Amino acid sequence: ENFDATPKLMKRGGIIVGLTDSRAVKRSVTEGLAAFAKAKSLSDASLTAVEVPHFSDIEVNHILANFEAIGLGTLRFDRGDTLMNANEVAYLKMISGSIGQRLVDAS
């Protein structure tokens, strides 16, 4: 009947790639990969490049306050001492890089 045996490209599928600044890779290499993906996504409709930024300072402050409110990690028993200490909050931001999972791990 009307059977077409020619190969066809996939209509659905995905590859997720994460680029991070936490490894010892030159920033120029990371920026080059991101720029290539963005340029390629403009010319190829099947490719989408999305950049997920780090949390802003205010978002980190809100997240830490939420962690304390729900009793997560070491913030559970310190009665707000960590959140009221600007140096402690700056330290948590520094070691986590304002990245969600690392912020959970650090607190």
C-alpha atoms as a PDB file:
ATOM      1  CA  GLU A   1       0.000   0.000   0.000  1.00  0.00           C
ATOM      2  CA  ASN A   2       1.376   3.492   0.855  1.00  0.00           C
ATOM      3  CA  PHE A   3       4.331   2.343   2.934  1.00  0.00           C
ATOM      4  CA  ASP A   4       7.280   4.787   2.933  1.00  0.00           C
ATOM      5  CA  ALA A   5      10.542   3.056   3.921  1.00  0.00           C
ATOM      6  CA  THR A   6      12.758   6.142   3.814  1.00  0.00           C
ATOM      7  CA  PRO A   7      14.473   6.988   7.122  1.00  0.00           C
ATOM      8  CA  LYS A   8      13.008   9.869   9.082  1.00  0.00           C
ATOM      9  CA  LEU A   9      14.463  12.092  11.766  1.00  0.00           C
ATOM     10  CA  MET A  10      13.148  11.777  15.299  1.00  0.00           C
ATOM     11  CA  LYS A  11      10.301  14.109  16.109  1.00  0.00           C
ATOM     12  CA  ARG A  12      10.810  13.962  19.850  1.00  0.00           C
ATOM     13  CA  GLY A  13      13.833  13.469  21.998  1.00  0.00           C
ATOM     14  CA  GLY A  14      16.155  15.425  24.134  1.00  0.00           C
ATOM     15  CA  ILE A  15      19.646  15.884  25.357  1.00  0.00           C
ATOM     16  CA  ILE A  16      20.199  17.944  28.451  1.00  0.00           C
ATOM     17  CA  VAL A  17      23.660  19.392  28.944  1.00  0.00           C
ATOM     18  CA  GLY A  18      24.730  21.277  32.007  1.00  0.00           C
ATOM     19  CA  LEU A  19      27.551  23.754  32.048  1.00  0.00           C
ATOM     20  CA  THR A  20      28.892  24.881  35.393  1.00  0.00           C
ATOM     21  CA  ASP A  21      31.501  27.219  36.770  1.00  0.00           C
ATOM     22  CA  SER A  22      32.366  24.827  39.599  1.00  0.00           C
ATOM     23  CA  ARG A  23      34.949  22.811  37.648  1.00  0.00           C
ATOM     24  CA  ALA A  24      38.469  23.730  36.628  1.00  0.00           C
ATOM     25  CA  VAL A  25      37.581  24.602  33.026  1.00  0.00           C
ATOM     26  CA  LYS A  26      38.489  27.928  31.473  1.00  0.00           C
ATOM     27  CA  ARG A  27      35.615  30.383  31.378  1.00  0.00           C
ATOM     28  CA  SER A  28      36.355  30.963  27.684  1.00  0.00           C
ATOM     29  CA  VAL A  29      35.647  27.275  26.960  1.00  0.00           C
ATOM     30  CA  THR A  30      32.357  27.349  28.878  1.00  0.00           C
ATOM     31  CA  GLU A  31      31.299  30.607  27.231  1.00  0.00           C
ATOM     32  CA  GLY A  32      32.276  29.215  23.825  1.00  0.00           C
ATOM     33  CA  LEU A  33      30.106  26.125  24.316  1.00  0.00           C
ATOM     34  CA  ALA A  34      27.167  28.236  25.462  1.00  0.00           C
ATOM     35  CA  ALA A  35      27.575  30.653  22.544  1.00  0.00           C
ATOM     36  CA  PHE A  36      27.757  27.760  20.069  1.00  0.00           C
ATOM     37  CA  ALA A  37      24.577  26.193  21.489  1.00  0.00           C
ATOM     38  CA  LYS A  38      22.730  29.518  21.329  1.00  0.00           C
ATOM     39  CA  ALA A  39      23.854  30.156  17.749  1.00  0.00           C
ATOM     40  CA  LYS A  40      22.953  26.602  16.717  1.00  0.00           C
ATOM     41  CA  SER A  41      19.501  26.916  18.309  1.00  0.00           C
ATOM     42  CA  LEU A  42      18.808  29.970  16.160  1.00  0.00           C
ATOM     43  CA  SER A  43      19.445  28.037  12.961  1.00  0.00           C
ATOM     44  CA  ASP A  44      18.036  24.656  14.036  1.00  0.00           C
ATOM     45  CA  ALA A  45      14.393  24.606  15.142  1.00  0.00           C
ATOM     46  CA  SER A  46      14.822  21.228  16.842  1.00  0.00           C
ATOM     47  CA  LEU A  47      17.440  22.583  19.258  1.00  0.00           C
ATOM     48  CA  THR A  48      16.618  24.826  22.183  1.00  0.00           C
ATOM     49  CA  ALA A  49      19.272  26.460  24.338  1.00  0.00           C
ATOM     50  CA  VAL A  50      18.145  27.699  27.734  1.00  0.00           C
ATOM     51  CA  GLU A  51      20.316  29.443  30.284  1.00  0.00           C
ATOM     52  CA  VAL A  52      19.356  28.976  33.918  1.00  0.00           C
ATOM     53  CA  PRO A  53      21.015  31.706  35.975  1.00  0.00           C
ATOM     54  CA  HIS A  54      22.217  31.486  39.555  1.00  0.00           C
ATOM     55  CA  PHE A  55      19.875  32.732  42.256  1.00  0.00           C
ATOM     56  CA  SER A  56      20.080  36.459  42.975  1.00  0.00           C
ATOM     57  CA  ASP A  57      21.123  37.683  46.428  1.00  0.00           C
ATOM     58  CA  ILE A  58      17.548  38.396  47.441  1.00  0.00           C
ATOM     59  CA  GLU A  59      16.425  34.953  46.264  1.00  0.00           C
ATOM     60  CA  VAL A  60      19.170  33.300  48.309  1.00  0.00           C
ATOM     61  CA  ASN A  61      18.108  35.287  51.379  1.00  0.00           C
ATOM     62  CA  HIS A  62      14.498  34.164  50.909  1.00  0.00           C
ATOM     63  CA  ILE A  63      15.523  30.553  50.333  1.00  0.00           C
ATOM     64  CA  LEU A  64      17.678  30.510  53.473  1.00  0.00           C
ATOM     65  CA  ALA A  65      14.837  32.029  55.494  1.00  0.00           C
ATOM     66  CA  ASN A  66      12.533  29.330  54.138  1.00  0.00           C
ATOM     67  CA  PHE A  67      15.058  26.622  55.024  1.00  0.00           C
ATOM     68  CA  GLU A  68      15.131  27.933  58.591  1.00  0.00           C
ATOM     69  CA  ALA A  69      11.325  28.142  58.762  1.00  0.00           C
ATOM     70  CA  ILE A  70      10.857  24.532  57.663  1.00  0.00           C
ATOM     71  CA  GLY A  71      13.781  23.319  59.763  1.00  0.00           C
ATOM     72  CA  LEU A  72      16.193  22.168  57.085  1.00  0.00           C
ATOM     73  CA  GLY A  73      19.754  21.152  57.901  1.00  0.00           C
ATOM     74  CA  THR A  74      21.840  23.036  60.431  1.00  0.00           C
ATOM     75  CA  LEU A  75      19.478  26.016  60.264  1.00  0.00           C
ATOM     76  CA  ARG A  76      16.951  23.944  62.214  1.00  0.00           C
ATOM     77  CA  PHE A  77      18.391  24.518  65.685  1.00  0.00           C
ATOM     78  CA  ASP A  78      20.314  27.798  65.449  1.00  0.00           C
ATOM     79  CA  ARG A  79      17.307  30.063  66.177  1.00  0.00           C
ATOM     80  CA  GLY A  80      18.123  32.512  63.393  1.00  0.00           C
ATOM     81  CA  ASP A  81      21.778  33.027  64.358  1.00  0.00           C
ATOM     82  CA  THR A  82      23.010  32.129  60.874  1.00  0.00           C
ATOM     83  CA  LEU A  83      20.506  34.322  59.055  1.00  0.00           C
ATOM     84  CA  MET A  84      21.173  37.308  61.307  1.00  0.00           C
ATOM     85  CA  ASN A  85      24.928  37.043  60.694  1.00  0.00           C
ATOM     86  CA  ALA A  86      25.817  38.705  57.379  1.00  0.00           C
ATOM     87  CA  ASN A  87      29.188  36.909  57.265  1.00  0.00           C
ATOM     88  CA  GLU A  88      27.525  33.495  57.621  1.00  0.00           C
ATOM     89  CA  VAL A  89      25.040  34.274  54.853  1.00  0.00           C
ATOM     90  CA  ALA A  90      27.856  35.546  52.604  1.00  0.00           C
ATOM     91  CA  TYR A  91      29.784  32.351  53.329  1.00  0.00           C
ATOM     92  CA  LEU A  92      26.790  30.172  52.367  1.00  0.00           C
ATOM     93  CA  LYS A  93      26.392  32.155  49.149  1.00  0.00           C
ATOM     94  CA  MET A  94      30.090  31.780  48.372  1.00  0.00           C
ATOM     95  CA  ILE A  95      30.363  28.023  48.915  1.00  0.00           C
ATOM     96  CA  SER A  96      27.076  27.264  47.149  1.00  0.00           C
ATOM     97  CA  GLY A  97      27.614  29.627  44.215  1.00  0.00           C
ATOM     98  CA  SER A  98      23.950  30.590  44.681  1.00  0.00           C
ATOM     99  CA  ILE A  99      22.944  27.302  43.075  1.00  0.00           C
ATOM    100  CA  GLY A 100      19.889  25.592  44.530  1.00  0.00           C
ATOM    101  CA  GLN A 101      21.117  22.085  45.336  1.00  0.00           C
ATOM    102  CA  ARG A 102      24.457  23.311  46.639  1.00  0.00           C
ATOM    103  CA  LEU A 103      22.627  25.799  48.857  1.00  0.00           C
ATOM    104  CA  VAL A 104      20.642  22.910  50.343  1.00  0.00           C
ATOM    105  CA  ASP A 105      23.852  20.933  50.860  1.00  0.00           C
ATOM    106  CA  ALA A 106      25.645  23.887  52.499  1.00  0.00           C
ATOM    107  CA  SER A 107      22.904  24.726  54.968  1.00  0.00           C
END
